[in-house]
Each structure stands twice: as C-alpha cells, then as structure tokens.
Full PDB file with SEQRES, HELIX, SHEET, SSBOND, CRYST1, ORIGX, SCALE, CONECT and MASTER records, all heavy atoms in Angstrom:
SEQRES   1 A   39  GLY ILE ALA CYS GLN MET ALA ASP ALA ALA ALA ALA ASP          
SEQRES   2 A   39  ILE ALA ARG TRP ALA GLY ALA ASP VAL THR PRO GLU PRO          
SEQRES   3 A   39  PHE ARG PRO VAL LEU ARG GLY LYS LEU LEU THR GLY GLY          
HELIX    1 AA1 ILE A    2  TRP A   17  1                                  16    
CRYST1    1.000    1.000    1.000  90.00  90.00  90.00 P 1           1          
ORIGX1      1.000000  0.000000  0.000000        0.00000                         
ORIGX2      0.000000  1.000000  0.000000        0.00000                         
ORIGX3      0.000000  0.000000  1.000000        0.00000                         
SCALE1      1.000000  0.000000  0.000000        0.00000                         
SCALE2      0.000000  1.000000  0.000000        0.00000                         
SCALE3      0.000000  0.000000  1.000000        0.00000                         
ATOM      1  N   GLY A   1      10.865  -2.569   0.867  1.00  0.00           N  
ATOM      2  CA  GLY A   1      10.589  -2.371  -0.549  1.00  0.00           C  
ATOM      3  C   GLY A   1       9.168  -1.909  -0.802  1.00  0.00           C  
ATOM      4  O   GLY A   1       8.914  -1.059  -1.665  1.00  0.00           O  
ATOM      5  N   ILE A   2       8.221  -2.463  -0.052  1.00  0.00           N  
ATOM      6  CA  ILE A   2       6.826  -2.026  -0.157  1.00  0.00           C  
ATOM      7  C   ILE A   2       6.691  -0.580   0.297  1.00  0.00           C  
ATOM      8  O   ILE A   2       5.976   0.223  -0.314  1.00  0.00           O  
ATOM      9  CB  ILE A   2       5.916  -2.950   0.675  1.00  0.00           C  
ATOM     10  CG1 ILE A   2       5.895  -4.363   0.081  1.00  0.00           C  
ATOM     11  CG2 ILE A   2       4.502  -2.383   0.780  1.00  0.00           C  
ATOM     12  CD1 ILE A   2       5.269  -4.464  -1.296  1.00  0.00           C  
ATOM     13  N   ALA A   3       7.400  -0.218   1.374  1.00  0.00           N  
ATOM     14  CA  ALA A   3       7.385   1.162   1.846  1.00  0.00           C  
ATOM     15  C   ALA A   3       7.891   2.110   0.770  1.00  0.00           C  
ATOM     16  O   ALA A   3       7.350   3.204   0.577  1.00  0.00           O  
ATOM     17  CB  ALA A   3       8.230   1.288   3.116  1.00  0.00           C  
ATOM     18  N   CYS A   4       8.929   1.689   0.029  1.00  0.00           N  
ATOM     19  CA  CYS A   4       9.456   2.516  -1.058  1.00  0.00           C  
ATOM     20  C   CYS A   4       8.429   2.697  -2.166  1.00  0.00           C  
ATOM     21  O   CYS A   4       8.303   3.793  -2.735  1.00  0.00           O  
ATOM     22  CB  CYS A   4      10.722   1.880  -1.620  1.00  0.00           C  
ATOM     23  SG  CYS A   4      12.186   2.060  -0.572  1.00  0.00           S  
ATOM     24  N   GLN A   5       7.702   1.642  -2.486  1.00  0.00           N  
ATOM     25  CA  GLN A   5       6.693   1.760  -3.544  1.00  0.00           C  
ATOM     26  C   GLN A   5       5.568   2.712  -3.136  1.00  0.00           C  
ATOM     27  O   GLN A   5       5.065   3.483  -3.957  1.00  0.00           O  
ATOM     28  CB  GLN A   5       6.146   0.380  -3.877  1.00  0.00           C  
ATOM     29  CG  GLN A   5       7.162  -0.533  -4.544  1.00  0.00           C  
ATOM     30  CD  GLN A   5       6.676  -1.964  -4.668  1.00  0.00           C  
ATOM     31  OE1 GLN A   5       5.542  -2.222  -5.064  1.00  0.00           O  
ATOM     32  NE2 GLN A   5       7.536  -2.911  -4.331  1.00  0.00           N  
ATOM     33  N   MET A   6       5.161   2.653  -1.878  1.00  0.00           N  
ATOM     34  CA  MET A   6       4.176   3.625  -1.392  1.00  0.00           C  
ATOM     35  C   MET A   6       4.731   5.038  -1.492  1.00  0.00           C  
ATOM     36  O   MET A   6       4.028   5.973  -1.918  1.00  0.00           O  
ATOM     37  CB  MET A   6       3.839   3.349   0.078  1.00  0.00           C  
ATOM     38  CG  MET A   6       3.060   2.106   0.365  1.00  0.00           C  
ATOM     39  SD  MET A   6       2.687   2.083   2.144  1.00  0.00           S  
ATOM     40  CE  MET A   6       2.552   0.325   2.400  1.00  0.00           C  
ATOM     41  N   ALA A   7       5.990   5.209  -1.063  1.00  0.00           N  
ATOM     42  CA  ALA A   7       6.617   6.529  -1.096  1.00  0.00           C  
ATOM     43  C   ALA A   7       6.706   7.056  -2.519  1.00  0.00           C  
ATOM     44  O   ALA A   7       6.500   8.253  -2.770  1.00  0.00           O  
ATOM     45  CB  ALA A   7       8.001   6.456  -0.462  1.00  0.00           C  
ATOM     46  N   ASP A   8       7.009   6.182  -3.478  1.00  0.00           N  
ATOM     47  CA  ASP A   8       7.077   6.601  -4.883  1.00  0.00           C  
ATOM     48  C   ASP A   8       5.709   7.059  -5.383  1.00  0.00           C  
ATOM     49  O   ASP A   8       5.600   8.060  -6.110  1.00  0.00           O  
ATOM     50  CB  ASP A   8       7.586   5.457  -5.756  1.00  0.00           C  
ATOM     51  CG  ASP A   8       9.049   5.131  -5.502  1.00  0.00           C  
ATOM     52  OD1 ASP A   8       9.771   5.992  -4.969  1.00  0.00           O  
ATOM     53  OD2 ASP A   8       9.468   3.997  -5.819  1.00  0.00           O  
ATOM     54  N   ALA A   9       4.663   6.301  -5.016  1.00  0.00           N  
ATOM     55  CA  ALA A   9       3.303   6.686  -5.419  1.00  0.00           C  
ATOM     56  C   ALA A   9       2.934   8.040  -4.822  1.00  0.00           C  
ATOM     57  O   ALA A   9       2.359   8.903  -5.498  1.00  0.00           O  
ATOM     58  CB  ALA A   9       2.307   5.610  -4.988  1.00  0.00           C  
ATOM     59  N   ALA A  10       3.262   8.242  -3.551  1.00  0.00           N  
ATOM     60  CA  ALA A  10       2.959   9.509  -2.885  1.00  0.00           C  
ATOM     61  C   ALA A  10       3.750  10.652  -3.510  1.00  0.00           C  
ATOM     62  O   ALA A  10       3.195  11.729  -3.788  1.00  0.00           O  
ATOM     63  CB  ALA A  10       3.275   9.397  -1.392  1.00  0.00           C  
ATOM     64  N   ALA A  11       5.053  10.440  -3.748  1.00  0.00           N  
ATOM     65  CA  ALA A  11       5.893  11.502  -4.301  1.00  0.00           C  
ATOM     66  C   ALA A  11       5.408  11.934  -5.681  1.00  0.00           C  
ATOM     67  O   ALA A  11       5.376  13.130  -5.996  1.00  0.00           O  
ATOM     68  CB  ALA A  11       7.343  11.030  -4.368  1.00  0.00           C  
ATOM     69  N   ALA A  12       5.018  10.966  -6.507  1.00  0.00           N  
ATOM     70  CA  ALA A  12       4.524  11.304  -7.843  1.00  0.00           C  
ATOM     71  C   ALA A  12       3.222  12.091  -7.761  1.00  0.00           C  
ATOM     72  O   ALA A  12       3.009  13.056  -8.508  1.00  0.00           O  
ATOM     73  CB  ALA A  12       4.325  10.031  -8.660  1.00  0.00           C  
ATOM     74  N   ASP A  13       2.349  11.709  -6.844  1.00  0.00           N  
ATOM     75  CA  ASP A  13       1.075  12.410  -6.691  1.00  0.00           C  
ATOM     76  C   ASP A  13       1.290  13.823  -6.152  1.00  0.00           C  
ATOM     77  O   ASP A  13       0.640  14.783  -6.597  1.00  0.00           O  
ATOM     78  CB  ASP A  13       0.159  11.614  -5.763  1.00  0.00           C  
ATOM     79  CG  ASP A  13      -1.310  11.925  -5.989  1.00  0.00           C  
ATOM     80  OD1 ASP A  13      -1.739  11.976  -7.158  1.00  0.00           O  
ATOM     81  OD2 ASP A  13      -2.031  12.143  -4.992  1.00  0.00           O  
ATOM     82  N   ILE A  14       2.212  13.959  -5.216  1.00  0.00           N  
ATOM     83  CA  ILE A  14       2.528  15.284  -4.674  1.00  0.00           C  
ATOM     84  C   ILE A  14       3.168  16.151  -5.756  1.00  0.00           C  
ATOM     85  O   ILE A  14       2.858  17.350  -5.880  1.00  0.00           O  
ATOM     86  CB  ILE A  14       3.460  15.158  -3.455  1.00  0.00           C  
ATOM     87  CG1 ILE A  14       2.733  14.474  -2.299  1.00  0.00           C  
ATOM     88  CG2 ILE A  14       3.963  16.532  -3.009  1.00  0.00           C  
ATOM     89  CD1 ILE A  14       3.630  14.098  -1.129  1.00  0.00           C  
ATOM     90  N   ALA A  15       4.059  15.570  -6.550  1.00  0.00           N  
ATOM     91  CA  ALA A  15       4.706  16.323  -7.624  1.00  0.00           C  
ATOM     92  C   ALA A  15       3.677  16.842  -8.621  1.00  0.00           C  
ATOM     93  O   ALA A  15       3.739  18.007  -9.056  1.00  0.00           O  
ATOM     94  CB  ALA A  15       5.744  15.447  -8.322  1.00  0.00           C  
ATOM     95  N   ARG A  16       2.724  15.985  -8.995  1.00  0.00           N  
ATOM     96  CA  ARG A  16       1.661  16.436  -9.906  1.00  0.00           C  
ATOM     97  C   ARG A  16       0.858  17.558  -9.283  1.00  0.00           C  
ATOM     98  O   ARG A  16       0.551  18.567  -9.907  1.00  0.00           O  
ATOM     99  CB  ARG A  16       0.741  15.266 -10.251  1.00  0.00           C  
ATOM    100  CG  ARG A  16      -0.415  15.652 -11.200  1.00  0.00           C  
ATOM    101  CD  ARG A  16      -1.638  14.783 -10.992  1.00  0.00           C  
ATOM    102  NE  ARG A  16      -2.136  14.856  -9.648  1.00  0.00           N  
ATOM    103  CZ  ARG A  16      -2.913  15.830  -9.191  1.00  0.00           C  
ATOM    104  NH1 ARG A  16      -3.261  16.840  -9.968  1.00  0.00           N  
ATOM    105  NH2 ARG A  16      -3.355  15.819  -7.944  1.00  0.00           N  
ATOM    106  N   TRP A  17       0.514  17.387  -7.999  1.00  0.00           N  
ATOM    107  CA  TRP A  17      -0.238  18.412  -7.267  1.00  0.00           C  
ATOM    108  C   TRP A  17       0.512  19.743  -7.235  1.00  0.00           C  
ATOM    109  O   TRP A  17      -0.086  20.812  -7.335  1.00  0.00           O  
ATOM    110  CB  TRP A  17      -0.484  17.899  -5.844  1.00  0.00           C  
ATOM    111  CG  TRP A  17      -0.923  18.931  -4.853  1.00  0.00           C  
ATOM    112  CD1 TRP A  17      -2.193  19.350  -4.594  1.00  0.00           C  
ATOM    113  CD2 TRP A  17      -0.070  19.678  -3.974  1.00  0.00           C  
ATOM    114  NE1 TRP A  17      -2.191  20.310  -3.613  1.00  0.00           N  
ATOM    115  CE2 TRP A  17      -0.891  20.522  -3.219  1.00  0.00           C  
ATOM    116  CE3 TRP A  17       1.309  19.694  -3.760  1.00  0.00           C  
ATOM    117  CZ2 TRP A  17      -0.384  21.396  -2.261  1.00  0.00           C  
ATOM    118  CZ3 TRP A  17       1.822  20.554  -2.811  1.00  0.00           C  
ATOM    119  CH2 TRP A  17       0.978  21.391  -2.069  1.00  0.00           C  
ATOM    120  N   ALA A  18       1.847  19.671  -7.158  1.00  0.00           N  
ATOM    121  CA  ALA A  18       2.654  20.887  -7.080  1.00  0.00           C  
ATOM    122  C   ALA A  18       2.886  21.530  -8.438  1.00  0.00           C  
ATOM    123  O   ALA A  18       3.467  22.612  -8.522  1.00  0.00           O  
ATOM    124  CB  ALA A  18       4.002  20.568  -6.438  1.00  0.00           C  
ATOM    125  N   GLY A  19       2.428  20.876  -9.512  1.00  0.00           N  
ATOM    126  CA  GLY A  19       2.534  21.473 -10.826  1.00  0.00           C  
ATOM    127  C   GLY A  19       3.548  20.847 -11.750  1.00  0.00           C  
ATOM    128  O   GLY A  19       3.730  21.304 -12.881  1.00  0.00           O  
ATOM    129  N   ALA A  20       4.219  19.789 -11.306  1.00  0.00           N  
ATOM    130  CA  ALA A  20       5.195  19.118 -12.165  1.00  0.00           C  
ATOM    131  C   ALA A  20       4.483  18.309 -13.240  1.00  0.00           C  
ATOM    132  O   ALA A  20       3.351  17.854 -13.048  1.00  0.00           O  
ATOM    133  CB  ALA A  20       6.096  18.210 -11.330  1.00  0.00           C  
ATOM    134  N   ASP A  21       5.153  18.128 -14.353  1.00  0.00           N  
ATOM    135  CA  ASP A  21       4.590  17.366 -15.470  1.00  0.00           C  
ATOM    136  C   ASP A  21       4.811  15.878 -15.210  1.00  0.00           C  
ATOM    137  O   ASP A  21       5.712  15.246 -15.770  1.00  0.00           O  
ATOM    138  CB  ASP A  21       5.253  17.795 -16.780  1.00  0.00           C  
ATOM    139  CG  ASP A  21       4.616  17.130 -17.996  1.00  0.00           C  
ATOM    140  OD1 ASP A  21       3.504  16.578 -17.850  1.00  0.00           O  
ATOM    141  OD2 ASP A  21       5.251  17.159 -19.078  1.00  0.00           O  
ATOM    142  N   VAL A  22       3.980  15.327 -14.346  1.00  0.00           N  
ATOM    143  CA  VAL A  22       4.105  13.944 -13.902  1.00  0.00           C  
ATOM    144  C   VAL A  22       2.735  13.285 -13.969  1.00  0.00           C  
ATOM    145  O   VAL A  22       1.729  13.889 -13.594  1.00  0.00           O  
ATOM    146  CB  VAL A  22       4.642  13.861 -12.456  1.00  0.00           C  
ATOM    147  CG1 VAL A  22       4.658  12.424 -11.971  1.00  0.00           C  
ATOM    148  CG2 VAL A  22       6.037  14.459 -12.369  1.00  0.00           C  
ATOM    149  N   THR A  23       2.701  12.048 -14.454  1.00  0.00           N  
ATOM    150  CA  THR A  23       1.471  11.253 -14.414  1.00  0.00           C  
ATOM    151  C   THR A  23       1.631  10.183 -13.345  1.00  0.00           C  
ATOM    152  O   THR A  23       2.351   9.201 -13.549  1.00  0.00           O  
ATOM    153  CB  THR A  23       1.184  10.591 -15.770  1.00  0.00           C  
ATOM    154  OG1 THR A  23       1.090  11.603 -16.777  1.00  0.00           O  
ATOM    155  CG2 THR A  23      -0.111   9.777 -15.713  1.00  0.00           C  
ATOM    156  N   PRO A  24       1.001  10.357 -12.192  1.00  0.00           N  
ATOM    157  CA  PRO A  24       1.201   9.404 -11.091  1.00  0.00           C  
ATOM    158  C   PRO A  24       0.623   8.035 -11.418  1.00  0.00           C  
ATOM    159  O   PRO A  24      -0.487   7.922 -11.942  1.00  0.00           O  
ATOM    160  CB  PRO A  24       0.446  10.044  -9.917  1.00  0.00           C  
ATOM    161  CG  PRO A  24       0.192  11.455 -10.320  1.00  0.00           C  
ATOM    162  CD  PRO A  24       0.100  11.459 -11.805  1.00  0.00           C  
ATOM    163  N   GLU A  25       1.393   7.011 -11.136  1.00  0.00           N  
ATOM    164  CA  GLU A  25       0.903   5.639 -11.242  1.00  0.00           C  
ATOM    165  C   GLU A  25       0.424   5.183  -9.861  1.00  0.00           C  
ATOM    166  O   GLU A  25       1.009   5.550  -8.836  1.00  0.00           O  
ATOM    167  CB  GLU A  25       2.007   4.700 -11.728  1.00  0.00           C  
ATOM    168  CG  GLU A  25       2.523   5.000 -13.130  1.00  0.00           C  
ATOM    169  CD  GLU A  25       1.489   4.727 -14.215  1.00  0.00           C  
ATOM    170  OE1 GLU A  25       0.456   4.107 -13.891  1.00  0.00           O  
ATOM    171  OE2 GLU A  25       1.728   5.121 -15.359  1.00  0.00           O  
ATOM    172  N   PRO A  26      -0.619   4.396  -9.804  1.00  0.00           N  
ATOM    173  CA  PRO A  26      -1.112   3.926  -8.511  1.00  0.00           C  
ATOM    174  C   PRO A  26      -0.161   2.926  -7.863  1.00  0.00           C  
ATOM    175  O   PRO A  26       0.660   2.300  -8.540  1.00  0.00           O  
ATOM    176  CB  PRO A  26      -2.455   3.265  -8.849  1.00  0.00           C  
ATOM    177  CG  PRO A  26      -2.308   2.848 -10.280  1.00  0.00           C  
ATOM    178  CD  PRO A  26      -1.456   3.901 -10.927  1.00  0.00           C  
ATOM    179  N   PHE A  27      -0.272   2.805  -6.581  1.00  0.00           N  
ATOM    180  CA  PHE A  27       0.495   1.841  -5.806  1.00  0.00           C  
ATOM    181  C   PHE A  27      -0.011   0.440  -6.120  1.00  0.00           C  
ATOM    182  O   PHE A  27      -1.139   0.087  -5.809  1.00  0.00           O  
ATOM    183  CB  PHE A  27       0.331   2.167  -4.318  1.00  0.00           C  
ATOM    184  CG  PHE A  27       0.856   1.114  -3.365  1.00  0.00           C  
ATOM    185  CD1 PHE A  27       2.131   0.613  -3.480  1.00  0.00           C  
ATOM    186  CD2 PHE A  27       0.047   0.653  -2.334  1.00  0.00           C  
ATOM    187  CE1 PHE A  27       2.613  -0.338  -2.591  1.00  0.00           C  
ATOM    188  CE2 PHE A  27       0.506  -0.295  -1.446  1.00  0.00           C  
ATOM    189  CZ  PHE A  27       1.792  -0.791  -1.570  1.00  0.00           C  
ATOM    190  N   ARG A  28       0.824  -0.353  -6.798  1.00  0.00           N  
ATOM    191  CA  ARG A  28       0.504  -1.739  -7.121  1.00  0.00           C  
ATOM    192  C   ARG A  28       1.640  -2.593  -6.553  1.00  0.00           C  
ATOM    193  O   ARG A  28       2.657  -2.787  -7.204  1.00  0.00           O  
ATOM    194  CB  ARG A  28       0.377  -1.937  -8.634  1.00  0.00           C  
ATOM    195  CG  ARG A  28      -0.877  -1.280  -9.227  1.00  0.00           C  
ATOM    196  CD  ARG A  28      -2.132  -2.036  -8.832  1.00  0.00           C  
ATOM    197  NE  ARG A  28      -3.344  -1.447  -9.394  1.00  0.00           N  
ATOM    198  CZ  ARG A  28      -4.147  -0.622  -8.742  1.00  0.00           C  
ATOM    199  NH1 ARG A  28      -3.851  -0.265  -7.507  1.00  0.00           N  
ATOM    200  NH2 ARG A  28      -5.236  -0.156  -9.315  1.00  0.00           N  
ATOM    201  N   PRO A  29       1.490  -3.077  -5.322  1.00  0.00           N  
ATOM    202  CA  PRO A  29       2.624  -3.657  -4.591  1.00  0.00           C  
ATOM    203  C   PRO A  29       3.182  -4.931  -5.197  1.00  0.00           C  
ATOM    204  O   PRO A  29       2.466  -5.875  -5.481  1.00  0.00           O  
ATOM    205  CB  PRO A  29       2.041  -3.922  -3.202  1.00  0.00           C  
ATOM    206  CG  PRO A  29       0.564  -4.035  -3.414  1.00  0.00           C  
ATOM    207  CD  PRO A  29       0.250  -3.090  -4.523  1.00  0.00           C  
ATOM    208  N   VAL A  30       4.496  -4.921  -5.377  1.00  0.00           N  
ATOM    209  CA  VAL A  30       5.242  -6.106  -5.780  1.00  0.00           C  
ATOM    210  C   VAL A  30       6.252  -6.375  -4.665  1.00  0.00           C  
ATOM    211  O   VAL A  30       7.119  -5.535  -4.393  1.00  0.00           O  
ATOM    212  CB  VAL A  30       5.965  -5.911  -7.121  1.00  0.00           C  
ATOM    213  CG1 VAL A  30       6.746  -7.172  -7.490  1.00  0.00           C  
ATOM    214  CG2 VAL A  30       4.970  -5.551  -8.223  1.00  0.00           C  
ATOM    215  N   LEU A  31       6.139  -7.512  -4.034  1.00  0.00           N  
ATOM    216  CA  LEU A  31       6.996  -7.846  -2.902  1.00  0.00           C  
ATOM    217  C   LEU A  31       8.301  -8.453  -3.414  1.00  0.00           C  
ATOM    218  O   LEU A  31       8.294  -9.464  -4.128  1.00  0.00           O  
ATOM    219  CB  LEU A  31       6.278  -8.827  -1.978  1.00  0.00           C  
ATOM    220  CG  LEU A  31       6.992  -9.200  -0.675  1.00  0.00           C  
ATOM    221  CD1 LEU A  31       7.217  -7.969   0.193  1.00  0.00           C  
ATOM    222  CD2 LEU A  31       6.180 -10.253   0.077  1.00  0.00           C  
ATOM    223  N   ARG A  32       9.414  -7.833  -3.071  1.00  0.00           N  
ATOM    224  CA  ARG A  32      10.739  -8.320  -3.454  1.00  0.00           C  
ATOM    225  C   ARG A  32      11.536  -8.566  -2.182  1.00  0.00           C  
ATOM    226  O   ARG A  32      11.674  -7.662  -1.357  1.00  0.00           O  
ATOM    227  CB  ARG A  32      11.453  -7.323  -4.353  1.00  0.00           C  
ATOM    228  CG  ARG A  32      10.746  -7.064  -5.678  1.00  0.00           C  
ATOM    229  CD  ARG A  32      11.451  -5.951  -6.456  1.00  0.00           C  
ATOM    230  NE  ARG A  32      10.844  -5.753  -7.766  1.00  0.00           N  
ATOM    231  CZ  ARG A  32       9.837  -4.913  -8.012  1.00  0.00           C  
ATOM    232  NH1 ARG A  32       9.317  -4.204  -7.022  1.00  0.00           N  
ATOM    233  NH2 ARG A  32       9.339  -4.795  -9.223  1.00  0.00           N  
ATOM    234  N   GLY A  33      12.073  -9.751  -2.026  1.00  0.00           N  
ATOM    235  CA  GLY A  33      12.827 -10.083  -0.827  1.00  0.00           C  
ATOM    236  C   GLY A  33      14.145 -10.735  -1.154  1.00  0.00           C  
ATOM    237  O   GLY A  33      14.218 -11.639  -1.995  1.00  0.00           O  
ATOM    238  N   LYS A  34      15.199 -10.268  -0.503  1.00  0.00           N  
ATOM    239  CA  LYS A  34      16.535 -10.851  -0.648  1.00  0.00           C  
ATOM    240  C   LYS A  34      16.855 -11.537   0.675  1.00  0.00           C  
ATOM    241  O   LYS A  34      17.144 -10.884   1.676  1.00  0.00           O  
ATOM    242  CB  LYS A  34      17.556  -9.760  -0.969  1.00  0.00           C  
ATOM    243  CG  LYS A  34      18.971 -10.254  -1.204  1.00  0.00           C  
ATOM    244  CD  LYS A  34      19.872  -9.060  -1.548  1.00  0.00           C  
ATOM    245  CE  LYS A  34      21.305  -9.480  -1.786  1.00  0.00           C  
ATOM    246  NZ  LYS A  34      22.162  -8.308  -2.129  1.00  0.00           N  
ATOM    247  N   LEU A  35      16.751 -12.854   0.687  1.00  0.00           N  
ATOM    248  CA  LEU A  35      16.924 -13.649   1.898  1.00  0.00           C  
ATOM    249  C   LEU A  35      18.398 -13.971   2.083  1.00  0.00           C  
ATOM    250  O   LEU A  35      18.994 -14.699   1.285  1.00  0.00           O  
ATOM    251  CB  LEU A  35      16.097 -14.931   1.805  1.00  0.00           C  
ATOM    252  CG  LEU A  35      16.150 -15.887   3.000  1.00  0.00           C  
ATOM    253  CD1 LEU A  35      15.413 -15.296   4.192  1.00  0.00           C  
ATOM    254  CD2 LEU A  35      15.556 -17.241   2.622  1.00  0.00           C  
ATOM    255  N   LEU A  36      18.999 -13.443   3.151  1.00  0.00           N  
ATOM    256  CA  LEU A  36      20.399 -13.723   3.445  1.00  0.00           C  
ATOM    257  C   LEU A  36      20.497 -15.072   4.155  1.00  0.00           C  
ATOM    258  O   LEU A  36      19.753 -15.345   5.096  1.00  0.00           O  
ATOM    259  CB  LEU A  36      20.993 -12.620   4.317  1.00  0.00           C  
ATOM    260  CG  LEU A  36      20.917 -11.199   3.733  1.00  0.00           C  
ATOM    261  CD1 LEU A  36      21.548 -10.197   4.688  1.00  0.00           C  
ATOM    262  CD2 LEU A  36      21.582 -11.132   2.358  1.00  0.00           C  
ATOM    263  N   THR A  37      21.428 -15.909   3.721  1.00  0.00           N  
ATOM    264  CA  THR A  37      21.546 -17.265   4.261  1.00  0.00           C  
ATOM    265  C   THR A  37      22.913 -17.550   4.873  1.00  0.00           C  
ATOM    266  O   THR A  37      23.107 -18.596   5.481  1.00  0.00           O  
ATOM    267  CB  THR A  37      21.290 -18.301   3.152  1.00  0.00           C  
ATOM    268  OG1 THR A  37      22.348 -18.204   2.180  1.00  0.00           O  
ATOM    269  CG2 THR A  37      19.948 -18.070   2.468  1.00  0.00           C  
ATOM    270  N   GLY A  38      23.846 -16.619   4.709  1.00  0.00           N  
ATOM    271  CA  GLY A  38      25.230 -16.892   5.071  1.00  0.00           C  
ATOM    272  C   GLY A  38      26.034 -17.389   3.888  1.00  0.00           C  
ATOM    273  O   GLY A  38      27.261 -17.332   3.880  1.00  0.00           O  
ATOM    274  N   GLY A  39      25.357 -17.887   2.869  1.00  0.00           N  
ATOM    275  CA  GLY A  39      25.963 -18.284   1.600  1.00  0.00           C  
ATOM    276  C   GLY A  39      25.364 -17.422   0.507  1.00  0.00           C  
ATOM    277  O   GLY A  39      25.233 -16.211   0.641  1.00  0.00           O  
TER     278      GLY A  39                                                      
MASTER        0    0    0    1    0    0    0    6  277    1    0    3          
END                                                                             
C-alpha cells in the first residue's frame, strides 16, 4: 500500500511534467494493513 502511494505521487508529478492539468499532492504515507487470521 505504501508502494502504491509513492507510485501515485510519482505518476501525478510525471503527468504534470508532461503537460496534464494535474496538481500533484506530496507523498504523505498512511499505512493500511489487512491482517489475515484464518477467520
């Protein structure tokens, strides 16, 4: 999930650089975990 947030920050920055109408937001990591327990 953290890797995805970095990728989103990078993609938005690249899109802006390429000329898209995008305002990139900085990478502000929020850790989300789904712990599988068998139940």
